Amino acid sequence: MIHGFDLSNPLICEGIVGEGCGGGRIFLIEESILKAYDPQTNEAMTLLKDIHMPRTLRKKGCILYIECEEENIEFDLSAMAKRKAV
């Protein structure tokens, strides 16, 4: 557990410092909302709403990958925008 977050939960991932955007933050999907939590300020920011039936969340570089039952979503942290996965 880091900062009270269970990183074994498939809907929570950590942004590694030096690995693109969002380093040091915790990303999570809670009640169909993608959030970024900053442990330094203890503040959470809403990134994306209306995520339907999410299964997993992972991060690589500046992209958050969200696997849902009916679609896959990519959220670009550098553009702060959603795009449908190819």
PDB file of N, CA and C in Angstrom:
ATOM      1  N   MET A   1       0.841  -1.185   0.000  1.00  0.00           N
ATOM      2  CA  MET A   1       0.000   0.000   0.000  1.00  0.00           C
ATOM      3  C   MET A   1       0.885   1.247   0.000  1.00  0.00           C
ATOM      4  N   ILE A   2       0.587   2.138  -0.924  1.00  0.00           N
ATOM      5  CA  ILE A   2       1.305   3.405  -1.011  1.00  0.00           C
ATOM      6  C   ILE A   2       0.289   4.514  -0.801  1.00  0.00           C
ATOM      7  N   HIS A   3       0.527   5.364   0.198  1.00  0.00           N
ATOM      8  CA  HIS A   3      -0.360   6.491   0.494  1.00  0.00           C
ATOM      9  C   HIS A   3      -1.809   6.031   0.658  1.00  0.00           C
ATOM     10  N   GLY A   4      -2.009   4.821   1.177  1.00  0.00           N
ATOM     11  CA  GLY A   4      -3.351   4.303   1.400  1.00  0.00           C
ATOM     12  C   GLY A   4      -3.993   3.660   0.179  1.00  0.00           C
ATOM     13  N   PHE A   5      -3.248   3.514  -0.914  1.00  0.00           N
ATOM     14  CA  PHE A   5      -3.787   2.909  -2.133  1.00  0.00           C
ATOM     15  C   PHE A   5      -3.215   1.514  -2.314  1.00  0.00           C
ATOM     16  N   ASP A   6      -4.085   0.578  -2.620  1.00  0.00           N
ATOM     17  CA  ASP A   6      -3.690  -0.810  -2.845  1.00  0.00           C
ATOM     18  C   ASP A   6      -3.307  -0.974  -4.313  1.00  0.00           C
ATOM     19  N   LEU A   7      -2.022  -0.988  -4.602  1.00  0.00           N
ATOM     20  CA  LEU A   7      -1.549  -1.060  -5.982  1.00  0.00           C
ATOM     21  C   LEU A   7      -1.793  -2.421  -6.634  1.00  0.00           C
ATOM     22  N   SER A   8      -2.287  -3.396  -5.873  1.00  0.00           N
ATOM     23  CA  SER A   8      -2.661  -4.676  -6.486  1.00  0.00           C
ATOM     24  C   SER A   8      -4.076  -4.607  -7.077  1.00  0.00           C
ATOM     25  N   ASN A   9      -4.801  -3.542  -6.787  1.00  0.00           N
ATOM     26  CA  ASN A   9      -6.130  -3.324  -7.363  1.00  0.00           C
ATOM     27  C   ASN A   9      -5.944  -3.025  -8.854  1.00  0.00           C
ATOM     28  N   PRO A  10      -6.653  -3.721  -9.740  1.00  0.00           N
ATOM     29  CA  PRO A  10      -6.462  -3.517 -11.181  1.00  0.00           C
ATOM     30  C   PRO A  10      -6.920  -2.149 -11.682  1.00  0.00           C
ATOM     31  N   LEU A  11      -7.616  -1.373 -10.845  1.00  0.00           N
ATOM     32  CA  LEU A  11      -8.066  -0.048 -11.250  1.00  0.00           C
ATOM     33  C   LEU A  11      -7.263   1.072 -10.588  1.00  0.00           C
ATOM     34  N   ILE A  12      -6.064   0.717 -10.109  1.00  0.00           N
ATOM     35  CA  ILE A  12      -5.146   1.691  -9.506  1.00  0.00           C
ATOM     36  C   ILE A  12      -3.754   1.448 -10.074  1.00  0.00           C
ATOM     37  N   CYS A  13      -3.067   2.524 -10.464  1.00  0.00           N
ATOM     38  CA  CYS A  13      -1.677   2.392 -10.883  1.00  0.00           C
ATOM     39  C   CYS A  13      -0.897   3.633 -10.455  1.00  0.00           C
ATOM     40  N   GLU A  14       0.409   3.479 -10.424  1.00  0.00           N
ATOM     41  CA  GLU A  14       1.290   4.541  -9.958  1.00  0.00           C
ATOM     42  C   GLU A  14       2.091   5.109 -11.116  1.00  0.00           C
ATOM     43  N   GLY A  15       2.190   6.427 -11.148  1.00  0.00           N
ATOM     44  CA  GLY A  15       3.054   7.088 -12.117  1.00  0.00           C
ATOM     45  C   GLY A  15       4.463   7.152 -11.554  1.00  0.00           C
ATOM     46  N   ILE A  16       5.403   6.508 -12.221  1.00  0.00           N
ATOM     47  CA  ILE A  16       6.785   6.453 -11.753  1.00  0.00           C
ATOM     48  C   ILE A  16       7.495   7.745 -12.136  1.00  0.00           C
ATOM     49  N   VAL A  17       8.207   8.345 -11.191  1.00  0.00           N
ATOM     50  CA  VAL A  17       8.952   9.572 -11.454  1.00  0.00           C
ATOM     51  C   VAL A  17       9.992   9.296 -12.539  1.00  0.00           C
ATOM     52  N   GLY A  18      10.023  10.143 -13.553  1.00  0.00           N
ATOM     53  CA  GLY A  18      10.970   9.986 -14.653  1.00  0.00           C
ATOM     54  C   GLY A  18      10.428   9.161 -15.814  1.00  0.00           C
ATOM     55  N   GLU A  19       9.201   8.661 -15.693  1.00  0.00           N
ATOM     56  CA  GLU A  19       8.611   7.830 -16.740  1.00  0.00           C
ATOM     57  C   GLU A  19       7.472   8.584 -17.434  1.00  0.00           C
ATOM     58  N   GLY A  20       7.771   9.747 -17.937  1.00  0.00           N
ATOM     59  CA  GLY A  20       6.749  10.510 -18.652  1.00  0.00           C
ATOM     60  C   GLY A  20       5.902  11.349 -17.717  1.00  0.00           C
ATOM     61  N   CYS A  21       4.742  11.720 -18.171  1.00  0.00           N
ATOM     62  CA  CYS A  21       3.825  12.601 -17.436  1.00  0.00           C
ATOM     63  C   CYS A  21       3.260  11.894 -16.206  1.00  0.00           C
ATOM     64  N   GLY A  22       2.954  12.676 -15.189  1.00  0.00           N
ATOM     65  CA  GLY A  22       2.266  12.123 -14.027  1.00  0.00           C
ATOM     66  C   GLY A  22       3.139  11.352 -13.064  1.00  0.00           C
ATOM     67  N   GLY A  23       4.435  11.549 -13.118  1.00  0.00           N
ATOM     68  CA  GLY A  23       5.335  10.855 -12.204  1.00  0.00           C
ATOM     69  C   GLY A  23       5.036  11.210 -10.759  1.00  0.00           C
ATOM     70  N   GLY A  24       4.976  10.197  -9.908  1.00  0.00           N
ATOM     71  CA  GLY A  24       4.731  10.402  -8.491  1.00  0.00           C
ATOM     72  C   GLY A  24       3.258  10.461  -8.110  1.00  0.00           C
ATOM     73  N   ARG A  25       2.390  10.410  -9.091  1.00  0.00           N
ATOM     74  CA  ARG A  25       0.954  10.458  -8.803  1.00  0.00           C
ATOM     75  C   ARG A  25       0.357   9.050  -8.829  1.00  0.00           C
ATOM     76  N   ILE A  26      -0.775   8.915  -8.181  1.00  0.00           N
ATOM     77  CA  ILE A  26      -1.529   7.672  -8.186  1.00  0.00           C
ATOM     78  C   ILE A  26      -2.746   7.907  -9.086  1.00  0.00           C
ATOM     79  N   PHE A  27      -2.984   6.982 -10.001  1.00  0.00           N
ATOM     80  CA  PHE A  27      -4.131   7.069 -10.900  1.00  0.00           C
ATOM     81  C   PHE A  27      -5.114   5.973 -10.519  1.00  0.00           C
ATOM     82  N   LEU A  28      -6.401   6.313 -10.487  1.00  0.00           N
ATOM     83  CA  LEU A  28      -7.393   5.334 -10.084  1.00  0.00           C
ATOM     84  C   LEU A  28      -8.724   5.618 -10.773  1.00  0.00           C
ATOM     85  N   ILE A  29      -9.503   4.562 -10.917  1.00  0.00           N
ATOM     86  CA  ILE A  29     -10.861   4.680 -11.414  1.00  0.00           C
ATOM     87  C   ILE A  29     -11.779   4.324 -10.260  1.00  0.00           C
ATOM     88  N   GLU A  30     -12.649   5.274  -9.952  1.00  0.00           N
ATOM     89  CA  GLU A  30     -13.551   5.135  -8.808  1.00  0.00           C
ATOM     90  C   GLU A  30     -14.916   5.664  -9.227  1.00  0.00           C
ATOM     91  N   GLU A  31     -15.941   4.820  -9.138  1.00  0.00           N
ATOM     92  CA  GLU A  31     -17.303   5.200  -9.506  1.00  0.00           C
ATOM     93  C   GLU A  31     -17.362   5.784 -10.922  1.00  0.00           C
ATOM     94  N   SER A  32     -16.725   5.102 -11.870  1.00  0.00           N
ATOM     95  CA  SER A  32     -16.708   5.464 -13.293  1.00  0.00           C
ATOM     96  C   SER A  32     -15.955   6.760 -13.596  1.00  0.00           C
ATOM     97  N   ILE A  33     -15.088   7.191 -12.680  1.00  0.00           N
ATOM     98  CA  ILE A  33     -14.326   8.425 -12.862  1.00  0.00           C
ATOM     99  C   ILE A  33     -12.836   8.127 -12.734  1.00  0.00           C
ATOM    100  N   LEU A  34     -12.059   8.571 -13.734  1.00  0.00           N
ATOM    101  CA  LEU A  34     -10.602   8.470 -13.684  1.00  0.00           C
ATOM    102  C   LEU A  34     -10.070   9.682 -12.931  1.00  0.00           C
ATOM    103  N   LYS A  35      -9.272   9.408 -11.899  1.00  0.00           N
ATOM    104  CA  LYS A  35      -8.727  10.482 -11.061  1.00  0.00           C
ATOM    105  C   LYS A  35      -7.215  10.345 -10.955  1.00  0.00           C
ATOM    106  N   ALA A  36      -6.570  11.481 -10.716  1.00  0.00           N
ATOM    107  CA  ALA A  36      -5.142  11.521 -10.415  1.00  0.00           C
ATOM    108  C   ALA A  36      -4.996  12.089  -9.007  1.00  0.00           C
ATOM    109  N   TYR A  37      -4.292  11.349  -8.159  1.00  0.00           N
ATOM    110  CA  TYR A  37      -4.068  11.775  -6.778  1.00  0.00           C
ATOM    111  C   TYR A  37      -2.615  12.183  -6.623  1.00  0.00           C
ATOM    112  N   ASP A  38      -2.396  13.375  -6.084  1.00  0.00           N
ATOM    113  CA  ASP A  38      -1.043  13.876  -5.837  1.00  0.00           C
ATOM    114  C   ASP A  38      -0.730  13.717  -4.355  1.00  0.00           C
ATOM    115  N   PRO A  39       0.176  12.799  -3.997  1.00  0.00           N
ATOM    116  CA  PRO A  39       0.458  12.558  -2.578  1.00  0.00           C
ATOM    117  C   PRO A  39       1.159  13.736  -1.892  1.00  0.00           C
ATOM    118  N   GLN A  40       1.769  14.631  -2.649  1.00  0.00           N
ATOM    119  CA  GLN A  40       2.431  15.792  -2.030  1.00  0.00           C
ATOM    120  C   GLN A  40       1.427  16.828  -1.547  1.00  0.00           C
ATOM    121  N   THR A  41       0.344  17.010  -2.299  1.00  0.00           N
ATOM    122  CA  THR A  41      -0.664  17.998  -1.918  1.00  0.00           C
ATOM    123  C   THR A  41      -1.909  17.362  -1.312  1.00  0.00           C
ATOM    124  N   ASN A  42      -2.013  16.034  -1.394  1.00  0.00           N
ATOM    125  CA  ASN A  42      -3.192  15.289  -0.940  1.00  0.00           C
ATOM    126  C   ASN A  42      -4.460  15.710  -1.686  1.00  0.00           C
ATOM    127  N   GLU A  43      -4.301  16.113  -2.932  1.00  0.00           N
ATOM    128  CA  GLU A  43      -5.446  16.526  -3.737  1.00  0.00           C
ATOM    129  C   GLU A  43      -5.660  15.547  -4.881  1.00  0.00           C
ATOM    130  N   ALA A  44      -6.934  15.386  -5.255  1.00  0.00           N
ATOM    131  CA  ALA A  44      -7.290  14.527  -6.386  1.00  0.00           C
ATOM    132  C   ALA A  44      -7.902  15.387  -7.479  1.00  0.00           C
ATOM    133  N   MET A  45      -7.567  15.060  -8.723  1.00  0.00           N
ATOM    134  CA  MET A  45      -8.090  15.779  -9.874  1.00  0.00           C
ATOM    135  C   MET A  45      -8.858  14.802 -10.752  1.00  0.00           C
ATOM    136  N   THR A  46     -10.026  15.201 -11.195  1.00  0.00           N
ATOM    137  CA  THR A  46     -10.806  14.388 -12.117  1.00  0.00           C
ATOM    138  C   THR A  46     -10.235  14.559 -13.520  1.00  0.00           C
ATOM    139  N   LEU A  47      -9.934  13.432 -14.171  1.00  0.00           N
ATOM    140  CA  LEU A  47      -9.393  13.454 -15.526  1.00  0.00           C
ATOM    141  C   LEU A  47     -10.436  13.088 -16.571  1.00  0.00           C
ATOM    142  N   LEU A  48     -11.299  12.128 -16.251  1.00  0.00           N
ATOM    143  CA  LEU A  48     -12.252  11.619 -17.237  1.00  0.00           C
ATOM    144  C   LEU A  48     -13.443  11.001 -16.504  1.00  0.00           C
ATOM    145  N   LYS A  49     -14.639  11.291 -17.015  1.00  0.00           N
ATOM    146  CA  LYS A  49     -15.863  10.739 -16.422  1.00  0.00           C
ATOM    147  C   LYS A  49     -16.500   9.738 -17.381  1.00  0.00           C
ATOM    148  N   ASP A  50     -17.489   9.022 -16.876  1.00  0.00           N
ATOM    149  CA  ASP A  50     -18.298   8.085 -17.662  1.00  0.00           C
ATOM    150  C   ASP A  50     -17.488   6.942 -18.256  1.00  0.00           C
ATOM    151  N   ILE A  51     -16.677   6.319 -17.442  1.00  0.00           N
ATOM    152  CA  ILE A  51     -15.937   5.124 -17.858  1.00  0.00           C
ATOM    153  C   ILE A  51     -16.813   3.930 -17.496  1.00  0.00           C
ATOM    154  N   HIS A  52     -17.268   3.221 -18.517  1.00  0.00           N
ATOM    155  CA  HIS A  52     -18.228   2.151 -18.296  1.00  0.00           C
ATOM    156  C   HIS A  52     -17.553   0.785 -18.180  1.00  0.00           C
ATOM    157  N   MET A  53     -17.821   0.111 -17.092  1.00  0.00           N
ATOM    158  CA  MET A  53     -17.350  -1.243 -16.815  1.00  0.00           C
ATOM    159  C   MET A  53     -15.831  -1.409 -16.987  1.00  0.00           C
ATOM    160  N   PRO A  54     -15.044  -0.602 -16.273  1.00  0.00           N
ATOM    161  CA  PRO A  54     -13.585  -0.741 -16.387  1.00  0.00           C
ATOM    162  C   PRO A  54     -13.094  -2.040 -15.763  1.00  0.00           C
ATOM    163  N   ARG A  55     -12.073  -2.624 -16.386  1.00  0.00           N
ATOM    164  CA  ARG A  55     -11.454  -3.855 -15.868  1.00  0.00           C
ATOM    165  C   ARG A  55     -10.043  -3.598 -15.355  1.00  0.00           C
ATOM    166  N   THR A  56      -9.237  -2.858 -16.135  1.00  0.00           N
ATOM    167  CA  THR A  56      -7.854  -2.613 -15.732  1.00  0.00           C
ATOM    168  C   THR A  56      -7.444  -1.191 -16.101  1.00  0.00           C
ATOM    169  N   LEU A  57      -6.449  -0.701 -15.376  1.00  0.00           N
ATOM    170  CA  LEU A  57      -5.841   0.597 -15.626  1.00  0.00           C
ATOM    171  C   LEU A  57      -4.338   0.409 -15.541  1.00  0.00           C
ATOM    172  N   ARG A  58      -3.627   0.914 -16.550  1.00  0.00           N
ATOM    173  CA  ARG A  58      -2.159   0.868 -16.503  1.00  0.00           C
ATOM    174  C   ARG A  58      -1.617   2.111 -17.179  1.00  0.00           C
ATOM    175  N   LYS A  59      -0.361   2.408 -16.919  1.00  0.00           N
ATOM    176  CA  LYS A  59       0.270   3.612 -17.441  1.00  0.00           C
ATOM    177  C   LYS A  59       1.602   3.268 -18.073  1.00  0.00           C
ATOM    178  N   LYS A  60       1.858   3.885 -19.221  1.00  0.00           N
ATOM    179  CA  LYS A  60       3.168   3.779 -19.847  1.00  0.00           C
ATOM    180  C   LYS A  60       3.466   5.135 -20.471  1.00  0.00           C
ATOM    181  N   GLY A  61       4.555   5.749 -20.027  1.00  0.00           N
ATOM    182  CA  GLY A  61       4.887   7.082 -20.506  1.00  0.00           C
ATOM    183  C   GLY A  61       3.793   8.062 -20.118  1.00  0.00           C
ATOM    184  N   CYS A  62       3.278   8.792 -21.094  1.00  0.00           N
ATOM    185  CA  CYS A  62       2.218   9.778 -20.848  1.00  0.00           C
ATOM    186  C   CYS A  62       0.819   9.253 -21.151  1.00  0.00           C
ATOM    187  N   ILE A  63       0.684   7.961 -21.372  1.00  0.00           N
ATOM    188  CA  ILE A  63      -0.612   7.392 -21.740  1.00  0.00           C
ATOM    189  C   ILE A  63      -1.132   6.473 -20.630  1.00  0.00           C
ATOM    190  N   LEU A  64      -2.388   6.697 -20.244  1.00  0.00           N
ATOM    191  CA  LEU A  64      -3.102   5.774 -19.363  1.00  0.00           C
ATOM    192  C   LEU A  64      -3.947   4.869 -20.242  1.00  0.00           C
ATOM    193  N   TYR A  65      -3.854   3.580 -20.038  1.00  0.00           N
ATOM    194  CA  TYR A  65      -4.604   2.588 -20.807  1.00  0.00           C
ATOM    195  C   TYR A  65      -5.696   2.018 -19.909  1.00  0.00           C
ATOM    196  N   ILE A  66      -6.936   2.132 -20.370  1.00  0.00           N
ATOM    197  CA  ILE A  66      -8.084   1.648 -19.616  1.00  0.00           C
ATOM    198  C   ILE A  66      -8.777   0.574 -20.447  1.00  0.00           C
ATOM    199  N   GLU A  67      -8.802  -0.632 -19.907  1.00  0.00           N
ATOM    200  CA  GLU A  67      -9.513  -1.724 -20.574  1.00  0.00           C
ATOM    201  C   GLU A  67     -10.887  -1.840 -19.925  1.00  0.00           C
ATOM    202  N   CYS A  68     -11.917  -1.703 -20.749  1.00  0.00           N
ATOM    203  CA  CYS A  68     -13.298  -1.830 -20.286  1.00  0.00           C
ATOM    204  C   CYS A  68     -13.918  -3.059 -20.945  1.00  0.00           C
ATOM    205  N   GLU A  69     -15.101  -3.437 -20.491  1.00  0.00           N
ATOM    206  CA  GLU A  69     -15.766  -4.600 -21.071  1.00  0.00           C
ATOM    207  C   GLU A  69     -16.081  -4.404 -22.545  1.00  0.00           C
ATOM    208  N   GLU A  70     -16.481  -3.195 -22.942  1.00  0.00           N
ATOM    209  CA  GLU A  70     -16.924  -2.975 -24.308  1.00  0.00           C
ATOM    210  C   GLU A  70     -16.012  -2.088 -25.150  1.00  0.00           C
ATOM    211  N   GLU A  71     -14.988  -1.486 -24.564  1.00  0.00           N
ATOM    212  CA  GLU A  71     -14.065  -0.645 -25.315  1.00  0.00           C
ATOM    213  C   GLU A  71     -12.745  -0.523 -24.566  1.00  0.00           C
ATOM    214  N   ASN A  72     -11.733  -0.094 -25.290  1.00  0.00           N
ATOM    215  CA  ASN A  72     -10.454   0.246 -24.686  1.00  0.00           C
ATOM    216  C   ASN A  72     -10.239   1.737 -24.893  1.00  0.00           C
ATOM    217  N   ILE A  73      -9.746   2.391 -23.851  1.00  0.00           N
ATOM    218  CA  ILE A  73      -9.560   3.839 -23.877  1.00  0.00           C
ATOM    219  C   ILE A  73      -8.091   4.147 -23.624  1.00  0.00           C
ATOM    220  N   GLU A  74      -7.580   5.137 -24.332  1.00  0.00           N
ATOM    221  CA  GLU A  74      -6.269   5.695 -24.048  1.00  0.00           C
ATOM    222  C   GLU A  74      -6.480   7.141 -23.631  1.00  0.00           C
ATOM    223  N   PHE A  75      -5.883   7.525 -22.520  1.00  0.00           N
ATOM    224  CA  PHE A  75      -5.963   8.904 -22.055  1.00  0.00           C
ATOM    225  C   PHE A  75      -4.562   9.474 -22.073  1.00  0.00           C
ATOM    226  N   ASP A  76      -4.369  10.502 -22.894  1.00  0.00           N
ATOM    227  CA  ASP A  76      -3.061  11.140 -23.064  1.00  0.00           C
ATOM    228  C   ASP A  76      -2.907  12.239 -22.017  1.00  0.00           C
ATOM    229  N   LEU A  77      -1.999  12.019 -21.071  1.00  0.00           N
ATOM    230  CA  LEU A  77      -1.792  12.986 -20.001  1.00  0.00           C
ATOM    231  C   LEU A  77      -1.158  14.285 -20.497  1.00  0.00           C
ATOM    232  N   SER A  78      -0.380  14.228 -21.566  1.00  0.00           N
ATOM    233  CA  SER A  78       0.251  15.449 -22.068  1.00  0.00           C
ATOM    234  C   SER A  78      -0.777  16.352 -22.745  1.00  0.00           C
ATOM    235  N   ALA A  79      -1.794  15.773 -23.361  1.00  0.00           N
ATOM    236  CA  ALA A  79      -2.857  16.549 -24.017  1.00  0.00           C
ATOM    237  C   ALA A  79      -4.100  16.661 -23.136  1.00  0.00           C
ATOM    238  N   MET A  80      -4.153  15.882 -22.042  1.00  0.00           N
ATOM    239  CA  MET A  80      -5.318  15.805 -21.161  1.00  0.00           C
ATOM    240  C   MET A  80      -6.574  15.499 -21.977  1.00  0.00           C
ATOM    241  N   ALA A  81      -6.447  14.491 -22.850  1.00  0.00           N
ATOM    242  CA  ALA A  81      -7.558  14.144 -23.745  1.00  0.00           C
ATOM    243  C   ALA A  81      -7.680  12.635 -23.895  1.00  0.00           C
ATOM    244  N   LYS A  82      -8.918  12.208 -24.086  1.00  0.00           N
ATOM    245  CA  LYS A  82      -9.242  10.799 -24.321  1.00  0.00           C
ATOM    246  C   LYS A  82      -9.170  10.522 -25.804  1.00  0.00           C
ATOM    247  N   ARG A  83      -8.717   9.307 -26.112  1.00  0.00           N
ATOM    248  CA  ARG A  83      -8.804   8.835 -27.483  1.00  0.00           C
ATOM    249  C   ARG A  83      -9.137   7.347 -27.434  1.00  0.00           C
ATOM    250  N   LYS A  84      -9.874   6.880 -28.395  1.00  0.00           N
ATOM    251  CA  LYS A  84     -10.213   5.466 -28.444  1.00  0.00           C
ATOM    252  C   LYS A  84      -8.995   4.680 -28.887  1.00  0.00           C
ATOM    253  N   ALA A  85      -8.742   3.598 -28.231  1.00  0.00           N
ATOM    254  CA  ALA A  85      -7.599   2.752 -28.557  1.00  0.00           C
ATOM    255  C   ALA A  85      -7.831   2.093 -29.905  1.00  0.00           C
ATOM    256  N   VAL A  86      -6.740   1.897 -30.627  1.00  0.00           N
ATOM    257  CA  VAL A  86      -6.806   1.266 -31.959  1.00  0.00           C
ATOM    258  C   VAL A  86      -6.871  -0.231 -31.804  1.00  0.00           C
TER     259      VAL A  86
END
